[in-house]
């Protein structure tokens, strides 16, 4: 891939947006877990180093899901043992259960995330639990993690639609989110796992979550771009006061348990929009595009990100 000079978007600040947005970068975990081939740990480590050098302050590094289910991340302990942590950068990991928490604590992790479901169908397929049973699995994980001084984030999947159940009532999403936050989680990431959300639905779901007692300041959004709506949905969330957005460098990722899920919102596409809106992220788009082009070469295919293709095509 040939590099050429980055043309930054013209800035036009509009009212009603936050001054700064935190990008929660999930490429090294949510992106690479969906690769058909296992990416060497050396490549993952360089990927994380490059992302940190590009100015991203939160890098979800890996997952302690059992290697049987996600063999692409079977090297979690090795990766964390060899990782050079950049100053001021957080490296959270996904923890599915108490055994995963044991592994995270042994690795010296200080920030974890749990991954719940807003629907019965996805809870059964992803967690082998009912909607209610998932909470019994998460409670001891969150309690122990908090007792050890760890910060805990809660993901909720299928918040805007479920491929088996169809539309998901916003009140149901809010009820699940509230229970997770009441356990002691610090942030709630609302996931559009199959990418069916539209801006009006985003407003409805966040409104329901707020009505259930979870303030927007503790809400993050995680959009997939199946129908090309991820940026529109992100902008709707920002106008409601959301200041943390999940994205994946180069648009890597999907969901191994939801076949219709395409890639995550590309971090470059998000940064391009935010730069144009005058919203600060601290991210160097030039370095980020280089990083995603580099990773695309190692994966043997073009980057799904429109911005990466435009700047590094």
C-alpha atoms as a PDB file:
ATOM      1  CA  UNK A   1       0.000   0.000   0.000  1.00  0.00           C
ATOM      2  CA  UNK A   2       1.428   3.332  -1.002  1.00  0.00           C
ATOM      3  CA  UNK A   3       1.306   6.206   1.482  1.00  0.00           C
ATOM      4  CA  UNK A   4       0.453   9.753   0.597  1.00  0.00           C
ATOM      5  CA  UNK A   5       0.060  12.899   2.644  1.00  0.00           C
ATOM      6  CA  UNK A   6      -3.014  13.012   4.830  1.00  0.00           C
ATOM      7  CA  UNK A   7      -5.575  15.617   3.879  1.00  0.00           C
ATOM      8  CA  UNK A   8      -7.342  16.574   7.081  1.00  0.00           C
ATOM      9  CA  UNK A   9     -11.003  17.590   6.969  1.00  0.00           C
ATOM     10  CA  UNK A  10     -11.973  21.248   7.257  1.00  0.00           C
ATOM     11  CA  UNK A  11     -13.187  21.956  10.794  1.00  0.00           C
ATOM     12  CA  UNK A  12     -16.678  23.298  11.366  1.00  0.00           C
ATOM     13  CA  UNK A  13     -17.685  23.205  15.008  1.00  0.00           C
ATOM     14  CA  UNK A  14     -21.407  22.720  15.689  1.00  0.00           C
ATOM     15  CA  UNK A  15     -23.349  23.250  18.902  1.00  0.00           C
ATOM     16  CA  UNK A  16     -24.429  20.440  21.171  1.00  0.00           C
ATOM     17  CA  UNK A  17     -21.315  18.264  20.970  1.00  0.00           C
ATOM     18  CA  UNK A  18     -18.757  17.405  23.649  1.00  0.00           C
ATOM     19  CA  UNK A  19     -15.420  19.195  23.565  1.00  0.00           C
ATOM     20  CA  UNK A  20     -13.535  15.911  23.730  1.00  0.00           C
ATOM     21  CA  UNK A  21     -14.304  12.230  23.092  1.00  0.00           C
ATOM     22  CA  UNK A  22     -12.471   9.222  24.489  1.00  0.00           C
ATOM     23  CA  UNK A  23     -11.983   6.520  21.876  1.00  0.00           C
ATOM     24  CA  UNK A  24     -12.068   3.010  23.338  1.00  0.00           C
ATOM     25  CA  UNK A  25      -9.974   1.110  20.793  1.00  0.00           C
ATOM     26  CA  UNK A  26     -11.032  -2.543  20.447  1.00  0.00           C
ATOM     27  CA  UNK A  27      -9.067  -3.626  17.382  1.00  0.00           C
ATOM     28  CA  UNK A  28      -6.528  -5.783  19.191  1.00  0.00           C
ATOM     29  CA  UNK A  29      -9.278  -7.753  20.936  1.00  0.00           C
ATOM     30  CA  UNK A  30     -12.634  -7.474  19.178  1.00  0.00           C
ATOM     31  CA  UNK A  31     -10.959  -7.083  15.796  1.00  0.00           C
ATOM     32  CA  UNK A  32      -8.378  -9.852  15.882  1.00  0.00           C
ATOM     33  CA  UNK A  33     -10.598 -12.398  17.650  1.00  0.00           C
ATOM     34  CA  UNK A  34     -12.586 -12.707  14.427  1.00  0.00           C
ATOM     35  CA  UNK A  35      -9.665 -13.523  12.165  1.00  0.00           C
ATOM     36  CA  UNK A  36      -9.731 -16.996  10.620  1.00  0.00           C
ATOM     37  CA  UNK A  37      -5.983 -17.326  11.163  1.00  0.00           C
ATOM     38  CA  UNK A  38      -4.153 -16.742  14.432  1.00  0.00           C
ATOM     39  CA  UNK A  39      -2.132 -13.518  14.327  1.00  0.00           C
ATOM     40  CA  UNK A  40       1.367 -13.959  15.818  1.00  0.00           C
ATOM     41  CA  UNK A  41       1.823 -12.390  19.232  1.00  0.00           C
ATOM     42  CA  UNK A  42       4.721 -10.305  17.904  1.00  0.00           C
ATOM     43  CA  UNK A  43       2.362  -8.677  15.392  1.00  0.00           C
ATOM     44  CA  UNK A  44      -0.229  -8.017  18.101  1.00  0.00           C
ATOM     45  CA  UNK A  45       2.391  -6.386  20.319  1.00  0.00           C
ATOM     46  CA  UNK A  46       3.576  -4.109  17.524  1.00  0.00           C
ATOM     47  CA  UNK A  47      -0.051  -3.295  16.688  1.00  0.00           C
ATOM     48  CA  UNK A  48      -0.667  -2.169  20.274  1.00  0.00           C
ATOM     49  CA  UNK A  49       2.580  -0.162  20.329  1.00  0.00           C
ATOM     50  CA  UNK A  50       1.637   1.594  17.093  1.00  0.00           C
ATOM     51  CA  UNK A  51      -1.875   2.381  18.342  1.00  0.00           C
ATOM     52  CA  UNK A  52      -0.457   3.894  21.533  1.00  0.00           C
ATOM     53  CA  UNK A  53       2.016   5.966  19.502  1.00  0.00           C
ATOM     54  CA  UNK A  54      -0.924   7.279  17.446  1.00  0.00           C
ATOM     55  CA  UNK A  55      -2.383   8.809  20.602  1.00  0.00           C
ATOM     56  CA  UNK A  56      -5.086   6.330  21.569  1.00  0.00           C
ATOM     57  CA  UNK A  57      -5.425   6.274  25.348  1.00  0.00           C
ATOM     58  CA  UNK A  58      -7.536   3.125  25.826  1.00  0.00           C
ATOM     59  CA  UNK A  59      -6.446  -0.076  24.084  1.00  0.00           C
ATOM     60  CA  UNK A  60      -8.463  -3.191  24.823  1.00  0.00           C
ATOM     61  CA  UNK A  61      -5.576  -5.621  24.640  1.00  0.00           C
ATOM     62  CA  UNK A  62      -7.011  -9.148  24.724  1.00  0.00           C
ATOM     63  CA  UNK A  63      -9.537 -11.481  26.317  1.00  0.00           C
ATOM     64  CA  UNK A  64      -9.394 -14.253  28.892  1.00  0.00           C
ATOM     65  CA  UNK A  65     -12.170 -16.209  27.210  1.00  0.00           C
ATOM     66  CA  UNK A  66     -11.323 -19.928  27.114  1.00  0.00           C
ATOM     67  CA  UNK A  67      -9.029 -20.663  24.133  1.00  0.00           C
ATOM     68  CA  UNK A  68     -11.454 -23.367  22.983  1.00  0.00           C
ATOM     69  CA  UNK A  69     -13.985 -20.670  22.130  1.00  0.00           C
ATOM     70  CA  UNK A  70     -11.639 -17.944  20.892  1.00  0.00           C
ATOM     71  CA  UNK A  71      -8.369 -19.595  19.833  1.00  0.00           C
ATOM     72  CA  UNK A  72      -7.176 -16.346  18.247  1.00  0.00           C
ATOM     73  CA  UNK A  73      -6.631 -14.938  21.748  1.00  0.00           C
ATOM     74  CA  UNK A  74      -5.109 -18.023  23.362  1.00  0.00           C
ATOM     75  CA  UNK A  75      -1.865 -16.076  23.788  1.00  0.00           C
ATOM     76  CA  UNK A  76      -3.360 -13.600  26.289  1.00  0.00           C
ATOM     77  CA  UNK A  77      -0.898 -14.342  29.110  1.00  0.00           C
ATOM     78  CA  UNK A  78       2.094 -14.241  26.770  1.00  0.00           C
ATOM     79  CA  UNK A  79       0.960 -10.977  25.210  1.00  0.00           C
ATOM     80  CA  UNK A  80       0.430  -9.229  28.541  1.00  0.00           C
ATOM     81  CA  UNK A  81       3.731 -10.512  29.920  1.00  0.00           C
ATOM     82  CA  UNK A  82       5.595  -9.054  26.931  1.00  0.00           C
ATOM     83  CA  UNK A  83       3.556  -5.876  26.515  1.00  0.00           C
ATOM     84  CA  UNK A  84       5.351  -2.566  27.031  1.00  0.00           C
ATOM     85  CA  UNK A  85       2.691  -0.343  28.554  1.00  0.00           C
ATOM     86  CA  UNK A  86       2.866   3.205  27.254  1.00  0.00           C
ATOM     87  CA  UNK A  87       2.617   5.964  29.840  1.00  0.00           C
ATOM     88  CA  UNK A  88      -0.925   7.230  30.271  1.00  0.00           C
ATOM     89  CA  UNK A  89      -2.477   4.382  28.268  1.00  0.00           C
ATOM     90  CA  UNK A  90      -4.992   1.934  29.742  1.00  0.00           C
ATOM     91  CA  UNK A  91      -4.980  -1.692  28.567  1.00  0.00           C
ATOM     92  CA  UNK A  92      -8.270  -3.306  29.655  1.00  0.00           C
ATOM     93  CA  UNK A  93      -9.021  -6.969  28.984  1.00  0.00           C
ATOM     94  CA  UNK A  94     -12.283  -8.858  28.583  1.00  0.00           C
ATOM     95  CA  UNK A  95     -13.096 -11.296  31.404  1.00  0.00           C
ATOM     96  CA  UNK A  96     -16.010 -13.725  30.973  1.00  0.00           C
ATOM     97  CA  UNK A  97     -16.108 -15.451  34.373  1.00  0.00           C
ATOM     98  CA  UNK A  98     -14.228 -16.064  37.615  1.00  0.00           C
ATOM     99  CA  UNK A  99     -11.617 -18.274  35.961  1.00  0.00           C
ATOM    100  CA  UNK A 100     -10.947 -15.476  33.512  1.00  0.00           C
ATOM    101  CA  UNK A 101     -10.632 -13.048  36.417  1.00  0.00           C
ATOM    102  CA  UNK A 102      -8.089 -15.355  38.091  1.00  0.00           C
ATOM    103  CA  UNK A 103      -5.995 -15.222  34.914  1.00  0.00           C
ATOM    104  CA  UNK A 104      -6.364 -11.443  34.669  1.00  0.00           C
ATOM    105  CA  UNK A 105      -5.287 -10.881  38.275  1.00  0.00           C
ATOM    106  CA  UNK A 106      -2.281 -13.189  37.808  1.00  0.00           C
ATOM    107  CA  UNK A 107      -1.301 -11.112  34.773  1.00  0.00           C
ATOM    108  CA  UNK A 108      -1.420  -7.863  36.755  1.00  0.00           C
ATOM    109  CA  UNK A 109      -4.407  -6.424  34.884  1.00  0.00           C
ATOM    110  CA  UNK A 110      -5.980  -3.333  36.479  1.00  0.00           C
ATOM    111  CA  UNK A 111      -8.961  -2.760  34.186  1.00  0.00           C
ATOM    112  CA  UNK A 112     -11.409  -5.426  33.012  1.00  0.00           C
ATOM    113  CA  UNK A 113     -14.659  -5.648  31.097  1.00  0.00           C
ATOM    114  CA  UNK A 114     -17.527  -8.128  31.339  1.00  0.00           C
ATOM    115  CA  UNK A 115     -19.725  -8.922  28.361  1.00  0.00           C
ATOM    116  CA  UNK A 116     -23.477  -9.307  28.935  1.00  0.00           C
ATOM    117  CA  UNK A 117     -26.503  -9.630  26.682  1.00  0.00           C
ATOM    118  CA  UNK A 118     -29.723  -7.663  26.394  1.00  0.00           C
ATOM    119  CA  UNK A 119     -31.576 -10.688  24.961  1.00  0.00           C
ATOM    120  CA  UNK A 120     -32.354 -14.246  25.949  1.00  0.00           C
ATOM    121  CA  UNK A 121     -31.245 -15.720  22.628  1.00  0.00           C
ATOM    122  CA  UNK A 122     -27.813 -14.150  22.587  1.00  0.00           C
ATOM    123  CA  UNK A 123     -27.214 -14.896  26.273  1.00  0.00           C
ATOM    124  CA  UNK A 124     -27.778 -18.583  25.533  1.00  0.00           C
ATOM    125  CA  UNK A 125     -25.531 -18.617  22.478  1.00  0.00           C
ATOM    126  CA  UNK A 126     -22.745 -16.415  23.797  1.00  0.00           C
ATOM    127  CA  UNK A 127     -22.758 -17.248  27.503  1.00  0.00           C
ATOM    128  CA  UNK A 128     -24.692 -20.527  27.726  1.00  0.00           C
ATOM    129  CA  UNK A 129     -26.900 -18.774  30.286  1.00  0.00           C
ATOM    130  CA  UNK A 130     -30.404 -17.393  30.397  1.00  0.00           C
ATOM    131  CA  UNK A 131     -30.888 -13.640  30.540  1.00  0.00           C
ATOM    132  CA  UNK A 132     -31.243 -13.799  34.322  1.00  0.00           C
ATOM    133  CA  UNK A 133     -28.537 -16.424  34.879  1.00  0.00           C
ATOM    134  CA  UNK A 134     -25.880 -14.194  33.326  1.00  0.00           C
ATOM    135  CA  UNK A 135     -26.066 -11.883  36.329  1.00  0.00           C
ATOM    136  CA  UNK A 136     -25.236 -14.708  38.733  1.00  0.00           C
ATOM    137  CA  UNK A 137     -22.127 -15.356  36.647  1.00  0.00           C
ATOM    138  CA  UNK A 138     -21.057 -11.708  36.624  1.00  0.00           C
ATOM    139  CA  UNK A 139     -21.760 -10.816  40.268  1.00  0.00           C
ATOM    140  CA  UNK A 140     -18.760 -12.590  41.835  1.00  0.00           C
ATOM    141  CA  UNK A 141     -16.488 -11.410  39.020  1.00  0.00           C
ATOM    142  CA  UNK A 142     -17.392  -7.753  39.531  1.00  0.00           C
ATOM    143  CA  UNK A 143     -17.354  -8.015  43.338  1.00  0.00           C
ATOM    144  CA  UNK A 144     -13.913  -9.646  43.432  1.00  0.00           C
ATOM    145  CA  UNK A 145     -12.491  -7.293  40.837  1.00  0.00           C
ATOM    146  CA  UNK A 146     -13.703  -4.233  42.729  1.00  0.00           C
ATOM    147  CA  UNK A 147     -12.341  -5.653  45.995  1.00  0.00           C
ATOM    148  CA  UNK A 148      -8.951  -5.954  44.270  1.00  0.00           C
ATOM    149  CA  UNK A 149      -9.166  -2.319  43.172  1.00  0.00           C
ATOM    150  CA  UNK A 150      -9.867  -3.027  39.504  1.00  0.00           C
ATOM    151  CA  UNK A 151     -12.065  -0.876  37.327  1.00  0.00           C
ATOM    152  CA  UNK A 152     -14.869  -2.821  35.631  1.00  0.00           C
ATOM    153  CA  UNK A 153     -16.678  -1.938  32.427  1.00  0.00           C
ATOM    154  CA  UNK A 154     -19.911  -3.642  31.347  1.00  0.00           C
ATOM    155  CA  UNK A 155     -20.647  -4.401  27.716  1.00  0.00           C
ATOM    156  CA  UNK A 156     -24.230  -5.163  26.730  1.00  0.00           C
ATOM    157  CA  UNK A 157     -24.722  -6.766  23.330  1.00  0.00           C
ATOM    158  CA  UNK A 158     -27.807  -6.783  21.067  1.00  0.00           C
ATOM    159  CA  UNK A 159     -29.041  -3.463  22.463  1.00  0.00           C
ATOM    160  CA  UNK A 160     -30.674  -2.302  19.229  1.00  0.00           C
ATOM    161  CA  UNK A 161     -31.821  -5.535  17.629  1.00  0.00           C
ATOM    162  CA  UNK A 162     -31.253  -9.281  17.779  1.00  0.00           C
ATOM    163  CA  UNK A 163     -30.945 -11.551  14.739  1.00  0.00           C
ATOM    164  CA  UNK A 164     -33.065 -14.223  16.428  1.00  0.00           C
ATOM    165  CA  UNK A 165     -35.566 -12.057  18.321  1.00  0.00           C
ATOM    166  CA  UNK A 166     -35.834  -8.964  16.143  1.00  0.00           C
ATOM    167  CA  UNK A 167     -36.365  -5.539  17.755  1.00  0.00           C
ATOM    168  CA  UNK A 168     -35.294  -5.285  21.401  1.00  0.00           C
ATOM    169  CA  UNK A 169     -37.421  -3.116  23.726  1.00  0.00           C
ATOM    170  CA  UNK A 170     -35.354  -0.192  25.055  1.00  0.00           C
ATOM    171  CA  UNK A 171     -36.744  -0.872  28.535  1.00  0.00           C
ATOM    172  CA  UNK A 172     -35.256  -4.375  28.402  1.00  0.00           C
ATOM    173  CA  UNK A 173     -31.835  -2.959  27.526  1.00  0.00           C
ATOM    174  CA  UNK A 174     -32.165  -0.463  30.355  1.00  0.00           C
ATOM    175  CA  UNK A 175     -33.072  -3.153  32.884  1.00  0.00           C
ATOM    176  CA  UNK A 176     -30.027  -5.239  31.971  1.00  0.00           C
ATOM    177  CA  UNK A 177     -27.766  -2.195  32.030  1.00  0.00           C
ATOM    178  CA  UNK A 178     -29.041  -1.035  35.392  1.00  0.00           C
ATOM    179  CA  UNK A 179     -28.398  -4.444  37.014  1.00  0.00           C
ATOM    180  CA  UNK A 180     -24.835  -4.503  35.711  1.00  0.00           C
ATOM    181  CA  UNK A 181     -24.160  -0.983  36.946  1.00  0.00           C
ATOM    182  CA  UNK A 182     -25.681  -1.746  40.338  1.00  0.00           C
ATOM    183  CA  UNK A 183     -23.099  -4.548  40.708  1.00  0.00           C
ATOM    184  CA  UNK A 184     -20.371  -1.905  40.661  1.00  0.00           C
ATOM    185  CA  UNK A 185     -19.424  -1.429  37.022  1.00  0.00           C
ATOM    186  CA  UNK A 186     -18.142   2.039  36.179  1.00  0.00           C
ATOM    187  CA  UNK A 187     -19.267   2.272  32.561  1.00  0.00           C
ATOM    188  CA  UNK A 188     -21.956   0.747  30.349  1.00  0.00           C
ATOM    189  CA  UNK A 189     -21.127   0.158  26.684  1.00  0.00           C
ATOM    190  CA  UNK A 190     -24.264  -0.257  24.559  1.00  0.00           C
ATOM    191  CA  UNK A 191     -23.542  -2.579  21.655  1.00  0.00           C
ATOM    192  CA  UNK A 192     -25.232  -2.674  18.257  1.00  0.00           C
ATOM    193  CA  UNK A 193     -23.958  -6.193  17.658  1.00  0.00           C
ATOM    194  CA  UNK A 194     -25.591  -6.734  14.261  1.00  0.00           C
ATOM    195  CA  UNK A 195     -25.474  -3.111  13.132  1.00  0.00           C
ATOM    196  CA  UNK A 196     -29.214  -2.442  12.773  1.00  0.00           C
ATOM    197  CA  UNK A 197     -29.514   0.737  14.835  1.00  0.00           C
ATOM    198  CA  UNK A 198     -30.612   4.081  13.419  1.00  0.00           C
ATOM    199  CA  UNK A 199     -30.271   7.475  15.141  1.00  0.00           C
ATOM    200  CA  UNK A 200     -33.836   7.610  16.465  1.00  0.00           C
ATOM    201  CA  UNK A 201     -33.446   4.199  18.089  1.00  0.00           C
ATOM    202  CA  UNK A 202     -30.157   5.305  19.618  1.00  0.00           C
ATOM    203  CA  UNK A 203     -31.996   8.195  21.244  1.00  0.00           C
ATOM    204  CA  UNK A 204     -34.722   5.857  22.526  1.00  0.00           C
ATOM    205  CA  UNK A 205     -32.323   3.346  24.043  1.00  0.00           C
ATOM    206  CA  UNK A 206     -30.096   5.935  25.719  1.00  0.00           C
ATOM    207  CA  UNK A 207     -33.207   7.705  26.995  1.00  0.00           C
ATOM    208  CA  UNK A 208     -34.466   4.454  28.529  1.00  0.00           C
ATOM    209  CA  UNK A 209     -31.066   3.796  30.106  1.00  0.00           C
ATOM    210  CA  UNK A 210     -31.079   7.295  31.605  1.00  0.00           C
ATOM    211  CA  UNK A 211     -34.613   6.782  32.931  1.00  0.00           C
ATOM    212  CA  UNK A 212     -33.404   3.579  34.622  1.00  0.00           C
ATOM    213  CA  UNK A 213     -30.875   5.593  36.601  1.00  0.00           C
ATOM    214  CA  UNK A 214     -27.720   5.314  34.472  1.00  0.00           C
ATOM    215  CA  UNK A 215     -26.498   8.825  33.534  1.00  0.00           C
ATOM    216  CA  UNK A 216     -25.181   9.534  30.059  1.00  0.00           C
ATOM    217  CA  UNK A 217     -21.784  10.339  31.572  1.00  0.00           C
ATOM    218  CA  UNK A 218     -21.402   6.621  32.298  1.00  0.00           C
ATOM    219  CA  UNK A 219     -22.622   5.403  28.911  1.00  0.00           C
ATOM    220  CA  UNK A 220     -20.445   4.409  25.949  1.00  0.00           C
ATOM    221  CA  UNK A 221     -21.572   3.259  22.501  1.00  0.00           C
ATOM    222  CA  UNK A 222     -20.304   0.407  20.332  1.00  0.00           C
ATOM    223  CA  UNK A 223     -21.658   0.419  16.781  1.00  0.00           C
ATOM    224  CA  UNK A 224     -21.176  -2.008  13.911  1.00  0.00           C
ATOM    225  CA  UNK A 225     -21.451  -0.721  10.368  1.00  0.00           C
ATOM    226  CA  UNK A 226     -23.557  -3.457   8.741  1.00  0.00           C
ATOM    227  CA  UNK A 227     -25.950  -0.956   7.121  1.00  0.00           C
ATOM    228  CA  UNK A 228     -23.574   2.003   7.002  1.00  0.00           C
ATOM    229  CA  UNK A 229     -25.167   3.712  10.003  1.00  0.00           C
ATOM    230  CA  UNK A 230     -22.335   3.607  12.558  1.00  0.00           C
ATOM    231  CA  UNK A 231     -21.210   7.223  12.149  1.00  0.00           C
ATOM    232  CA  UNK A 232     -24.781   8.558  12.067  1.00  0.00           C
ATOM    233  CA  UNK A 233     -25.567   6.619  15.219  1.00  0.00           C
ATOM    234  CA  UNK A 234     -22.401   7.862  16.886  1.00  0.00           C
ATOM    235  CA  UNK A 235     -23.278  11.465  16.122  1.00  0.00           C
ATOM    236  CA  UNK A 236     -26.745  10.941  17.613  1.00  0.00           C
ATOM    237  CA  UNK A 237     -25.148   9.579  20.790  1.00  0.00           C
ATOM    238  CA  UNK A 238     -22.702  12.486  20.999  1.00  0.00           C
ATOM    239  CA  UNK A 239     -25.565  14.972  20.766  1.00  0.00           C
ATOM    240  CA  UNK A 240     -27.071  13.257  23.824  1.00  0.00           C
ATOM    241  CA  UNK A 241     -23.840  13.790  25.771  1.00  0.00           C
ATOM    242  CA  UNK A 242     -22.018  10.480  25.281  1.00  0.00           C
ATOM    243  CA  UNK A 243     -18.248  11.036  25.421  1.00  0.00           C
ATOM    244  CA  UNK A 244     -16.841   7.499  25.026  1.00  0.00           C
ATOM    245  CA  UNK A 245     -17.057   5.712  21.681  1.00  0.00           C
ATOM    246  CA  UNK A 246     -15.801   2.206  20.912  1.00  0.00           C
ATOM    247  CA  UNK A 247     -14.133   1.654  17.560  1.00  0.00           C
ATOM    248  CA  UNK A 248     -11.651  -0.619  15.854  1.00  0.00           C
ATOM    249  CA  UNK A 249      -8.569   0.454  13.901  1.00  0.00           C
ATOM    250  CA  UNK A 250      -9.111  -0.287  10.239  1.00  0.00           C
ATOM    251  CA  UNK A 251     -12.683  -1.452  10.897  1.00  0.00           C
ATOM    252  CA  UNK A 252     -11.553  -4.889  12.030  1.00  0.00           C
ATOM    253  CA  UNK A 253     -13.940  -7.194  13.824  1.00  0.00           C
ATOM    254  CA  UNK A 254     -17.485  -8.399  14.115  1.00  0.00           C
ATOM    255  CA  UNK A 255     -18.867 -11.009  16.470  1.00  0.00           C
ATOM    256  CA  UNK A 256     -18.040 -14.745  16.432  1.00  0.00           C
ATOM    257  CA  UNK A 257     -21.519 -15.598  17.779  1.00  0.00           C
ATOM    258  CA  UNK A 258     -23.543 -13.399  15.414  1.00  0.00           C
ATOM    259  CA  UNK A 259     -23.000 -14.362  11.794  1.00  0.00           C
ATOM    260  CA  UNK A 260     -24.688 -11.253  10.407  1.00  0.00           C
ATOM    261  CA  UNK A 261     -22.362  -8.888  12.272  1.00  0.00           C
ATOM    262  CA  UNK A 262     -19.893  -7.063  10.067  1.00  0.00           C
ATOM    263  CA  UNK A 263     -17.001  -4.930  11.176  1.00  0.00           C
ATOM    264  CA  UNK A 264     -16.883  -2.418  13.956  1.00  0.00           C
ATOM    265  CA  UNK A 265     -16.926   1.290  13.316  1.00  0.00           C
ATOM    266  CA  UNK A 266     -13.456   2.077  11.937  1.00  0.00           C
ATOM    267  CA  UNK A 267     -11.413   4.287  14.248  1.00  0.00           C
ATOM    268  CA  UNK A 268     -10.072   6.280  11.296  1.00  0.00           C
ATOM    269  CA  UNK A 269     -13.591   7.025  10.037  1.00  0.00           C
ATOM    270  CA  UNK A 270     -14.569   8.139  13.541  1.00  0.00           C
ATOM    271  CA  UNK A 271     -11.500  10.358  13.941  1.00  0.00           C
ATOM    272  CA  UNK A 272     -12.079  11.953  10.521  1.00  0.00           C
ATOM    273  CA  UNK A 273     -15.626  12.898  11.526  1.00  0.00           C
ATOM    274  CA  UNK A 274     -14.616  14.156  14.971  1.00  0.00           C
ATOM    275  CA  UNK A 275     -11.714  16.159  13.566  1.00  0.00           C
ATOM    276  CA  UNK A 276     -14.117  17.782  11.115  1.00  0.00           C
ATOM    277  CA  UNK A 277     -16.486  18.643  13.947  1.00  0.00           C
ATOM    278  CA  UNK A 278     -13.717  20.166  16.049  1.00  0.00           C
ATOM    279  CA  UNK A 279     -14.046  17.483  18.748  1.00  0.00           C
ATOM    280  CA  UNK A 280     -10.714  16.611  20.358  1.00  0.00           C
ATOM    281  CA  UNK A 281      -9.519  12.992  20.534  1.00  0.00           C
ATOM    282  CA  UNK A 282      -5.752  13.270  20.919  1.00  0.00           C
ATOM    283  CA  UNK A 283      -5.325  10.886  17.968  1.00  0.00           C
ATOM    284  CA  UNK A 284      -2.855  11.466  15.138  1.00  0.00           C
ATOM    285  CA  UNK A 285      -4.822  10.371  12.062  1.00  0.00           C
ATOM    286  CA  UNK A 286      -1.689  10.051   9.923  1.00  0.00           C
ATOM    287  CA  UNK A 287      -0.049   7.580  12.325  1.00  0.00           C
ATOM    288  CA  UNK A 288      -3.323   5.724  12.809  1.00  0.00           C
ATOM    289  CA  UNK A 289      -3.870   5.282   9.063  1.00  0.00           C
ATOM    290  CA  UNK A 290      -0.297   4.013   8.731  1.00  0.00           C
ATOM    291  CA  UNK A 291      -0.949   1.504  11.502  1.00  0.00           C
ATOM    292  CA  UNK A 292      -4.124   0.130   9.948  1.00  0.00           C
ATOM    293  CA  UNK A 293      -2.508  -0.075   6.508  1.00  0.00           C
ATOM    294  CA  UNK A 294       0.376  -1.967   8.105  1.00  0.00           C
ATOM    295  CA  UNK A 295      -2.017  -4.392   9.816  1.00  0.00           C
ATOM    296  CA  UNK A 296      -4.026  -4.888   6.619  1.00  0.00           C
ATOM    297  CA  UNK A 297      -0.844  -5.976   4.880  1.00  0.00           C
ATOM    298  CA  UNK A 298      -0.195  -8.553   7.578  1.00  0.00           C
ATOM    299  CA  UNK A 299      -3.743  -9.859   7.306  1.00  0.00           C
ATOM    300  CA  UNK A 300      -3.412 -10.049   3.534  1.00  0.00           C
ATOM    301  CA  UNK A 301      -6.383  -7.920   2.552  1.00  0.00           C
ATOM    302  CA  UNK A 302      -7.379  -4.256   2.139  1.00  0.00           C
ATOM    303  CA  UNK A 303      -8.591  -2.333   5.179  1.00  0.00           C
ATOM    304  CA  UNK A 304     -12.409  -2.021   5.407  1.00  0.00           C
ATOM    305  CA  UNK A 305     -12.018   1.581   6.609  1.00  0.00           C
ATOM    306  CA  UNK A 306     -13.045   4.122   3.999  1.00  0.00           C
ATOM    307  CA  UNK A 307     -10.637   6.685   5.404  1.00  0.00           C
ATOM    308  CA  UNK A 308      -7.712   4.250   5.347  1.00  0.00           C
ATOM    309  CA  UNK A 309      -8.530   3.363   1.739  1.00  0.00           C
ATOM    310  CA  UNK A 310      -8.765   7.040   0.796  1.00  0.00           C
ATOM    311  CA  UNK A 311      -5.520   8.006   2.490  1.00  0.00           C
ATOM    312  CA  UNK A 312      -3.483   4.842   1.980  1.00  0.00           C
ATOM    313  CA  UNK A 313      -5.199   3.140  -0.969  1.00  0.00           C
END
